[in-house]
Amino acid sequence: MVIYSKEMKVDKRENMRGGNGTVTVTHHADKDQMKHCRLFCEMSIPQNGSVGEHDHVNETEYYFIKEGIGIVVDDGVEKKIGSGDMIVTGGGASHSIRNIGVTPLLITAVIITDKE
């Protein structure tokens, strides 16, 4: 299967999960095309933008930071992150992320469900 970029759905999400600004989400595939995977996308968080705090029960979310710098609140603890870093959140833990740089924060996000 080949999924061409022109076929990928793009969403503009205002105040995503209670965050600030408009986050652009490019879905690399629909969840129906991926076994045990609820989300596989790229997020572009603008300067001063954020994704609000949310938890992951019965699933694990992976954020791979492609470009930019930000602050992630990882289960209540603030940590500075940048290009090449990975954030892993699962087991009911929560996280949020905000862009503290002057360029968009580009993230590949993947959510894997705990189902077998």
Protein backbone atom coordinates (compact mmCIF):
# COMPACT_ATOMS: atom_id res chain seq x y z
CA MET A 1 0.00 0.00 0.00
CA VAL A 2 1.17 3.52 -0.79
CA ILE A 3 -0.45 6.52 0.83
CA TYR A 4 0.44 9.63 -1.13
CA SER A 5 0.87 12.94 0.67
CA LYS A 6 -1.91 14.50 -1.42
CA GLU A 7 -4.29 11.87 0.05
CA MET A 8 -3.44 12.67 3.67
CA LYS A 9 -6.10 14.43 5.70
CA VAL A 10 -5.04 17.75 7.24
CA ASP A 11 -6.87 19.22 10.27
CA LYS A 12 -6.48 22.66 11.82
CA ARG A 13 -7.26 22.30 15.53
CA GLU A 14 -7.96 25.42 17.56
CA ASN A 15 -6.96 25.18 21.23
CA MET A 16 -6.15 21.47 20.92
CA ARG A 17 -7.01 19.66 24.16
CA GLY A 18 -7.32 23.04 25.87
CA GLY A 19 -4.00 24.35 24.55
CA ASN A 20 -3.26 27.63 22.77
CA GLY A 21 -3.21 28.51 19.08
CA THR A 22 -3.95 26.47 15.99
CA VAL A 23 -2.16 23.13 15.65
CA THR A 24 -1.93 21.68 12.14
CA VAL A 25 -2.33 17.89 12.13
CA THR A 26 -1.42 15.89 9.03
CA HIS A 27 -2.70 12.31 9.32
CA HIS A 28 -0.26 9.94 7.63
CA ALA A 29 -2.89 7.19 7.62
CA ASP A 30 -6.39 6.54 8.92
CA LYS A 31 -6.68 4.44 12.06
CA ASP A 32 -8.60 1.84 10.00
CA GLN A 33 -5.44 1.30 7.93
CA MET A 34 -3.23 0.53 10.95
CA LYS A 35 -3.58 -2.41 13.32
CA HIS A 36 -3.30 -1.42 17.01
CA CYS A 37 -2.54 2.17 16.06
CA ARG A 38 -5.04 4.95 16.81
CA LEU A 39 -2.97 7.84 15.45
CA PHE A 40 0.02 8.38 13.16
CA CYS A 41 0.48 12.03 12.25
CA GLU A 42 2.68 15.08 12.11
CA MET A 43 1.75 18.02 14.30
CA SER A 44 2.95 21.54 13.67
CA ILE A 45 2.60 23.69 16.79
CA PRO A 46 3.05 27.41 16.11
CA GLN A 47 5.17 29.82 18.15
CA ASN A 48 3.55 30.17 21.61
CA GLY A 49 1.10 27.37 20.73
CA SER A 50 0.44 24.24 22.74
CA VAL A 51 -1.45 20.98 23.13
CA GLY A 52 -3.20 20.92 26.51
CA GLU A 53 -2.78 18.27 29.18
CA HIS A 54 -4.39 14.91 28.49
CA ASP A 55 -3.87 11.32 29.62
CA HIS A 56 -3.36 8.01 27.88
CA VAL A 57 -5.24 5.06 29.36
CA ASN A 58 -5.00 1.67 27.61
CA GLU A 59 -2.63 3.20 25.03
CA THR A 60 0.80 4.78 24.67
CA GLU A 61 1.60 7.96 22.76
CA TYR A 62 5.03 8.62 21.28
CA TYR A 63 6.10 12.15 20.33
CA PHE A 64 9.25 12.35 18.21
CA ILE A 65 10.48 15.95 18.01
CA LYS A 66 11.56 16.65 14.43
CA GLU A 67 12.23 20.40 14.69
CA GLY A 68 12.02 23.17 17.24
CA ILE A 69 12.15 23.46 21.02
CA GLY A 70 9.47 23.19 23.62
CA ILE A 71 8.42 22.32 27.13
CA VAL A 72 6.65 19.04 27.83
CA VAL A 73 4.85 18.48 31.11
CA ASP A 74 5.47 14.76 31.58
CA ASP A 75 3.14 13.44 34.31
CA GLY A 76 3.40 16.73 36.22
CA VAL A 77 7.11 17.46 35.63
CA GLU A 78 8.25 20.19 33.16
CA LYS A 79 11.10 19.20 30.86
CA LYS A 80 12.71 21.10 27.98
CA ILE A 81 12.77 19.14 24.70
CA GLY A 82 14.21 19.66 21.23
CA SER A 83 14.97 18.13 17.86
CA GLY A 84 15.70 14.40 18.09
CA ASP A 85 14.06 13.90 21.51
CA MET A 86 11.25 11.40 22.16
CA ILE A 87 8.44 11.62 24.72
CA VAL A 88 6.64 8.41 25.71
CA THR A 89 3.34 8.64 27.64
CA GLY A 90 1.22 5.65 28.60
CA GLY A 91 -0.15 3.62 31.50
CA GLY A 92 -2.63 6.37 32.44
CA ALA A 93 0.06 9.07 32.64
CA SER A 94 -0.62 12.57 31.31
CA HIS A 95 1.31 15.11 29.26
CA SER A 96 1.09 18.46 27.50
CA ILE A 97 3.49 20.28 25.21
CA ARG A 98 4.12 23.89 24.24
CA ASN A 99 6.34 25.59 21.72
CA ILE A 100 8.86 27.98 23.31
CA GLY A 101 10.81 28.60 20.11
CA VAL A 102 10.44 31.12 17.29
CA THR A 103 9.72 28.48 14.61
CA PRO A 104 7.00 25.83 14.50
CA LEU A 105 7.49 22.78 16.72
CA LEU A 106 7.22 19.76 14.39
CA ILE A 107 6.30 16.45 16.01
CA THR A 108 5.60 12.98 14.70
CA ALA A 109 2.91 11.55 17.00
CA VAL A 110 1.93 7.88 17.18
CA ILE A 111 -0.65 6.33 19.52
CA ILE A 112 -0.49 2.54 19.96
CA THR A 113 -3.37 0.82 21.75
CA ASP A 114 -2.72 -1.79 24.45
CA LYS A 115 -5.10 -4.29 22.77
CA GLU A 116 -3.59 -7.43 21.38
